[in-house]
Amino acid sequence: MNKQINDAAPSSLSHLVGQGAIIAQVRTAIDAAFEDNGRFDDALLVGPAGLGKSQLAAVIAQEMATDFHEVLGQSITNIGDLNALLLSANDKDIIHIDECHELDKQFQTALYLAIDKRTIFVNSSKRSPEAIPISSFSLLLSTTDEYDLLAPLRDRMKLTLRFEYYSNDELTLMLRHRSNALDWSIDDKVLPLIAERSRGVPRLALRLLQSCRRVSRSQGEMAIVPFHFEQAVALEQLDQMGLGPLERKYLAILKDGPSRLNVIASVLGLPTRTVSGVTEQYLIRANLISKSKDGQRELTSKGREHVFIESENGRN
């Protein structure tokens, strides 16, 4: 059977690794909800992509033993979509809107008014809109940019759960748990190697684990060993820091000196927003590049060293 990573996704808080402060907040809120025979408090889940916000939302629903309704913010394109979502939930159900910052501002307004009044208003044949009550569900909003949400909507969330990047030790433990749950045989030496290439992001770690498994099975092997990891990394074109071809090309552009974002984006063939919001994020966090006051990007000493090493390895 060709098992996939998501076939063994965690189903309870006790199965989750890392994010200790968040888990403590959630456990307390769940215990309080059960003591009061109430619903889970509305919550805002904030943090970079790939850190497990959607996974936690699903786990909360399982811990609360209730139905789970999940949509992407950008999939709500009209007020009818939003109303249908809100009407689909029963008392204590979990509604999770992922990438909620993609919600149009008018839908954000309708959303916070709806949870305030527990009512939605729909057009009818009558002169005034018809008021329809909605259930006492729990609303979970996930976002990478909380300040792209309207303040009144943010303020109505009772919990704010801020996700942090994972340590290599946490990623190693998470990978061990997932491979055990999938009944995959894997050499213990491989797990920290995957963690080191994953930038503190579980999604990247799990993707690389799946890639290692794919390589091992392509060769008729059941166990994942370091050789399969090396081949997976080569196929994914990842360097020692987990940088792909795009990030290495970015660094190579700065090899001859500082450059502006629009120039870098032009060379990469990407919109400036994508470069600043996606490509640069890890490069800055890893202290490979810096921004000057006038907006110029340049390599740090660590960045120059990394470019040199990669040039020696023939990857730049």
Protein backbone atom coordinates (compact mmCIF):
# COMPACT_ATOMS: atom_id res chain seq x y z
CA MET A 1 0.00 0.00 0.00
CA ASN A 2 1.37 3.42 -1.00
CA LYS A 3 0.92 5.35 2.25
CA GLN A 4 1.07 9.13 2.15
CA ILE A 5 2.17 11.52 4.89
CA ASN A 6 -1.37 12.70 5.63
CA ASP A 7 -2.55 9.12 6.16
CA ALA A 8 -1.19 9.37 9.72
CA ALA A 9 -1.91 12.99 10.64
CA PRO A 10 -2.15 13.60 14.42
CA SER A 11 -5.64 13.21 15.86
CA SER A 12 -5.12 14.51 19.40
CA LEU A 13 -3.11 17.13 21.27
CA SER A 14 -0.97 14.41 22.81
CA HIS A 15 0.24 13.45 19.33
CA LEU A 16 1.47 16.94 18.48
CA VAL A 17 5.14 17.89 18.82
CA GLY A 18 6.35 21.42 19.52
CA GLN A 19 4.36 24.64 20.02
CA GLY A 20 4.19 23.93 23.76
CA ALA A 21 2.70 27.31 24.71
CA ILE A 22 -0.05 26.95 22.12
CA ILE A 23 -0.87 23.39 23.16
CA ALA A 24 -1.19 24.55 26.78
CA GLN A 25 -3.58 27.35 25.74
CA VAL A 26 -5.69 24.99 23.64
CA ARG A 27 -5.82 22.27 26.29
CA THR A 28 -7.00 24.82 28.88
CA ALA A 29 -9.68 26.15 26.52
CA ILE A 30 -10.91 22.62 25.72
CA ASP A 31 -11.07 21.67 29.40
CA ALA A 32 -12.97 24.87 30.19
CA ALA A 33 -15.42 24.24 27.34
CA PHE A 34 -16.19 20.73 28.60
CA GLU A 35 -16.59 21.92 32.20
CA ASP A 36 -19.10 24.56 31.04
CA ASN A 37 -20.71 22.26 28.47
CA GLY A 38 -19.94 25.02 26.01
CA ARG A 39 -18.09 25.55 22.77
CA PHE A 40 -14.41 26.14 22.12
CA ASP A 41 -13.52 29.85 22.21
CA ASP A 42 -13.15 31.61 18.87
CA ALA A 43 -9.45 31.75 18.03
CA LEU A 44 -6.96 33.41 15.69
CA LEU A 45 -4.10 31.15 14.58
CA VAL A 46 -1.15 33.25 13.46
CA GLY A 47 2.18 32.27 11.93
CA PRO A 48 4.17 31.52 8.78
CA ALA A 49 2.96 28.91 6.32
CA GLY A 50 3.63 25.25 7.01
CA LEU A 51 3.79 25.36 10.81
CA GLY A 52 0.63 23.35 11.47
CA LYS A 53 -2.20 25.86 11.89
CA SER A 54 -4.69 23.84 9.82
CA GLN A 55 -3.59 20.63 11.50
CA LEU A 56 -4.22 22.11 14.94
CA ALA A 57 -7.66 23.34 13.87
CA ALA A 58 -8.58 19.79 12.82
CA VAL A 59 -7.21 18.36 16.08
CA ILE A 60 -9.29 20.83 18.12
CA ALA A 61 -12.42 19.58 16.36
CA GLN A 62 -11.48 15.98 17.14
CA GLU A 63 -10.72 16.81 20.78
CA MET A 64 -14.09 18.57 21.03
CA ALA A 65 -15.77 15.57 19.34
CA THR A 66 -17.58 17.83 16.91
CA ASP A 67 -17.91 18.36 13.17
CA PHE A 68 -15.22 20.26 11.29
CA HIS A 69 -15.97 22.69 8.45
CA GLU A 70 -12.91 24.05 6.63
CA VAL A 71 -12.58 26.49 3.73
CA LEU A 72 -9.94 28.73 2.24
CA GLY A 73 -10.54 32.45 2.54
CA GLN A 74 -10.11 32.99 -1.20
CA SER A 75 -12.79 30.40 -1.96
CA ILE A 76 -15.46 32.67 -0.47
CA THR A 77 -16.28 34.84 -3.47
CA ASN A 78 -19.73 36.14 -2.57
CA ILE A 79 -21.95 36.64 0.46
CA GLY A 80 -23.88 33.50 -0.44
CA ASP A 81 -20.73 31.40 0.03
CA LEU A 82 -20.19 32.89 3.47
CA ASN A 83 -23.81 32.46 4.53
CA ALA A 84 -23.84 28.84 3.35
CA LEU A 85 -20.73 28.14 5.43
CA LEU A 86 -22.19 29.72 8.57
CA LEU A 87 -25.52 27.92 8.14
CA SER A 88 -23.81 24.54 7.66
CA ALA A 89 -22.54 24.40 11.26
CA ASN A 90 -24.38 23.15 14.32
CA ASP A 91 -23.82 24.20 17.93
CA LYS A 92 -20.23 23.59 19.09
CA ASP A 93 -19.04 22.72 15.56
CA ILE A 94 -15.70 24.10 14.41
CA ILE A 95 -15.56 26.40 11.36
CA HIS A 96 -12.01 26.95 10.18
CA ILE A 97 -11.25 29.64 7.59
CA ASP A 98 -7.68 29.15 6.40
CA GLU A 99 -5.79 32.07 4.86
CA CYS A 100 -8.55 34.27 6.25
CA HIS A 101 -6.64 37.43 5.28
CA GLU A 102 -7.71 36.61 1.71
CA LEU A 103 -11.34 37.29 2.67
CA ASP A 104 -12.72 40.42 1.03
CA LYS A 105 -13.16 43.20 3.60
CA GLN A 106 -16.94 43.25 3.13
CA PHE A 107 -17.06 39.53 3.98
CA GLN A 108 -14.89 40.13 7.04
CA THR A 109 -17.39 42.75 8.16
CA ALA A 110 -20.33 40.40 7.54
CA LEU A 111 -18.49 37.67 9.46
CA TYR A 112 -17.90 39.63 12.66
CA LEU A 113 -21.46 41.00 12.58
CA ALA A 114 -22.79 37.47 12.17
CA ILE A 115 -20.85 36.07 15.14
CA ASP A 116 -21.82 39.09 17.22
CA LYS A 117 -25.55 38.73 16.61
CA ARG A 118 -25.57 34.99 15.79
CA THR A 119 -27.67 36.05 12.83
CA ILE A 120 -27.19 36.47 9.10
CA PHE A 121 -29.30 38.61 6.81
CA VAL A 122 -30.34 37.41 3.37
CA ASN A 123 -32.23 39.15 0.64
CA SER A 124 -35.80 38.01 0.20
CA SER A 125 -38.87 38.96 -1.77
CA LYS A 126 -39.80 41.24 1.10
CA ARG A 127 -38.65 44.84 1.18
CA SER A 128 -36.13 44.29 4.01
CA PRO A 129 -33.54 41.47 4.35
CA GLU A 130 -34.64 38.39 6.25
CA ALA A 131 -32.83 37.60 9.53
CA ILE A 132 -31.83 33.95 9.94
CA PRO A 133 -30.32 32.69 13.22
CA ILE A 134 -27.07 30.72 13.10
CA SER A 135 -25.74 28.15 15.53
CA SER A 136 -23.31 28.74 18.38
CA PHE A 137 -20.31 27.32 16.51
CA SER A 138 -16.63 28.05 17.14
CA LEU A 139 -14.74 30.15 14.59
CA LEU A 140 -11.05 29.48 13.97
CA LEU A 141 -9.21 31.88 11.66
CA SER A 142 -5.74 31.02 10.33
CA THR A 143 -3.50 33.66 8.80
CA THR A 144 0.08 34.51 7.96
CA ASP A 145 -0.74 38.22 8.27
CA GLU A 146 -3.06 39.11 11.12
CA TYR A 147 -2.91 42.83 10.31
CA ASP A 148 -4.52 42.22 6.95
CA LEU A 149 -7.67 41.41 8.92
CA LEU A 150 -10.08 44.09 10.04
CA ALA A 151 -9.41 45.08 13.66
CA PRO A 152 -13.03 44.40 14.77
CA LEU A 153 -12.74 40.82 13.48
CA ARG A 154 -9.35 40.27 15.16
CA ASP A 155 -10.67 41.71 18.41
CA ARG A 156 -13.56 39.27 18.53
CA MET A 157 -11.24 36.29 18.72
CA LYS A 158 -10.95 35.17 22.36
CA LEU A 159 -7.66 33.32 21.80
CA THR A 160 -4.61 34.29 19.77
CA LEU A 161 -2.34 31.31 19.05
CA ARG A 162 1.06 32.40 17.74
CA PHE A 163 3.06 29.70 15.99
CA GLU A 164 6.88 29.64 16.15
CA TYR A 165 9.40 27.90 13.93
CA TYR A 166 10.41 24.43 15.12
CA SER A 167 13.84 23.42 16.40
CA ASN A 168 15.71 20.62 14.63
CA ASP A 169 15.15 18.40 17.69
CA GLU A 170 11.39 18.99 17.51
CA LEU A 171 11.33 18.26 13.79
CA THR A 172 13.36 15.08 14.34
CA LEU A 173 10.90 13.88 16.98
CA MET A 174 7.93 14.77 14.79
CA LEU A 175 9.44 12.84 11.85
CA ARG A 176 10.05 9.82 14.07
CA HIS A 177 6.43 9.87 15.26
CA ARG A 178 5.09 10.19 11.72
CA SER A 179 7.29 7.45 10.25
CA ASN A 180 6.33 5.13 13.13
CA ALA A 181 2.63 5.88 12.59
CA LEU A 182 3.03 5.05 8.90
CA ASP A 183 5.01 1.92 9.76
CA TRP A 184 7.91 3.12 7.63
CA SER A 185 11.31 1.66 8.42
CA ILE A 186 13.88 4.46 8.57
CA ASP A 187 17.49 4.70 9.71
CA ASP A 188 17.67 7.02 12.74
CA LYS A 189 20.55 8.89 11.07
CA VAL A 190 18.18 10.13 8.35
CA LEU A 191 15.75 11.96 10.64
CA PRO A 192 18.09 14.78 11.83
CA LEU A 193 19.41 15.14 8.28
CA ILE A 194 15.87 15.85 7.05
CA ALA A 195 15.27 18.23 9.98
CA GLU A 196 18.40 20.24 9.14
CA ARG A 197 17.13 20.84 5.57
CA SER A 198 13.62 21.84 6.64
CA ARG A 199 14.11 25.45 7.84
CA GLY A 200 12.10 24.86 11.01
CA VAL A 201 8.95 24.11 8.97
CA PRO A 202 7.10 20.79 9.54
CA ARG A 203 5.48 20.87 6.11
CA LEU A 204 8.89 20.94 4.44
CA ALA A 205 10.20 18.19 6.73
CA LEU A 206 7.26 15.91 5.96
CA ARG A 207 7.56 16.59 2.24
CA LEU A 208 11.24 15.61 2.28
CA LEU A 209 10.43 12.50 4.34
CA GLN A 210 7.88 11.50 1.67
CA SER A 211 10.51 12.16 -1.01
CA CYS A 212 12.97 9.86 0.79
CA ARG A 213 10.31 7.17 0.98
CA ARG A 214 9.58 7.60 -2.74
CA VAL A 215 13.25 7.10 -3.60
CA SER A 216 13.53 3.98 -1.44
CA ARG A 217 10.43 2.40 -2.97
CA SER A 218 11.53 3.28 -6.51
CA GLN A 219 14.53 1.05 -5.85
CA GLY A 220 12.44 -1.74 -4.36
CA GLU A 221 13.63 -1.03 -0.83
CA MET A 222 11.41 -0.93 2.24
CA ALA A 223 13.83 0.85 4.63
CA ILE A 224 14.91 4.47 4.21
CA VAL A 225 18.67 4.87 4.62
CA PRO A 226 21.08 7.85 4.22
CA PHE A 227 21.71 6.98 0.56
CA HIS A 228 17.99 7.50 -0.18
CA PHE A 229 18.11 10.84 1.64
CA GLU A 230 21.08 11.96 -0.48
CA GLN A 231 19.24 11.03 -3.65
CA ALA A 232 16.04 12.76 -2.50
CA VAL A 233 17.96 15.96 -1.73
CA ALA A 234 19.58 15.81 -5.17
CA LEU A 235 16.19 15.35 -6.85
CA GLU A 236 14.72 18.24 -4.85
CA GLN A 237 17.86 20.31 -5.66
CA LEU A 238 18.34 21.32 -2.03
CA ASP A 239 21.66 22.51 -0.65
CA GLN A 240 23.05 22.10 2.87
CA MET A 241 20.72 24.78 4.26
CA GLY A 242 17.65 23.51 2.43
CA LEU A 243 17.77 26.28 -0.20
CA GLY A 244 16.35 25.45 -3.61
CA PRO A 245 17.44 26.74 -7.03
CA LEU A 246 15.37 29.93 -6.77
CA GLU A 247 16.91 31.01 -3.46
CA ARG A 248 20.41 30.19 -4.67
CA LYS A 249 19.79 32.24 -7.80
CA TYR A 250 18.65 35.12 -5.56
CA LEU A 251 21.88 34.94 -3.56
CA ALA A 252 23.96 34.72 -6.75
CA ILE A 253 22.40 37.99 -7.97
CA LEU A 254 23.86 39.72 -4.89
CA LYS A 255 27.29 38.17 -5.36
CA ASP A 256 28.55 41.26 -7.18
CA GLY A 257 27.07 43.73 -4.71
CA PRO A 258 23.81 45.16 -3.30
CA SER A 259 20.71 45.34 -5.49
CA ARG A 260 17.16 46.61 -5.27
CA LEU A 261 14.10 44.40 -4.94
CA ASN A 262 12.65 45.32 -8.34
CA VAL A 263 15.92 44.41 -10.05
CA ILE A 264 16.15 41.07 -8.24
CA ALA A 265 12.50 40.29 -9.02
CA SER A 266 13.06 41.13 -12.69
CA VAL A 267 16.04 38.77 -12.92
CA LEU A 268 14.12 36.01 -11.15
CA GLY A 269 11.06 36.62 -13.33
CA LEU A 270 8.75 36.96 -10.32
CA PRO A 271 6.49 39.71 -8.95
CA THR A 272 8.19 41.86 -6.32
CA ARG A 273 5.48 40.91 -3.80
CA THR A 274 6.29 37.21 -4.23
CA VAL A 275 10.02 37.80 -3.81
CA SER A 276 9.62 39.95 -0.68
CA GLY A 277 6.81 37.89 0.85
CA VAL A 278 8.05 34.40 0.05
CA THR A 279 11.57 34.08 -1.36
CA GLU A 280 13.25 36.51 1.02
CA GLN A 281 11.61 35.33 4.22
CA TYR A 282 13.95 32.46 5.03
CA LEU A 283 17.00 34.21 3.59
CA ILE A 284 16.49 37.03 6.09
CA ARG A 285 15.67 34.69 8.99
CA ALA A 286 18.78 32.62 8.25
CA ASN A 287 20.86 35.82 8.22
CA LEU A 288 21.98 35.29 4.62
CA ILE A 289 20.80 38.69 3.39
CA SER A 290 20.05 42.06 4.93
CA LYS A 291 18.09 45.14 3.89
CA SER A 292 19.58 48.61 4.03
CA LYS A 293 17.60 51.70 5.02
CA ASP A 294 17.16 52.65 1.37
CA GLY A 295 15.75 49.21 0.53
CA GLN A 296 18.84 47.66 -1.03
CA ARG A 297 19.44 43.95 -0.48
CA GLU A 298 22.91 42.64 0.19
CA LEU A 299 24.66 39.49 1.33
CA THR A 300 25.70 39.19 4.95
CA SER A 301 29.07 37.62 5.80
CA LYS A 302 27.20 34.33 6.34
CA GLY A 303 25.50 34.78 2.97
CA ARG A 304 28.81 35.41 1.19
CA GLU A 305 30.28 32.33 2.83
CA HIS A 306 27.30 30.23 1.74
CA VAL A 307 27.51 31.49 -1.86
CA PHE A 308 31.23 30.66 -1.90
CA ILE A 309 30.63 27.14 -0.60
CA GLU A 310 27.87 26.54 -3.12
CA SER A 311 30.11 27.85 -5.93
CA GLU A 312 32.78 25.39 -4.85
CA ASN A 313 30.16 22.63 -4.97
CA GLY A 314 29.18 23.72 -8.47
CA ARG A 315 25.64 24.71 -7.59
CA ASN A 316 25.88 28.42 -8.44
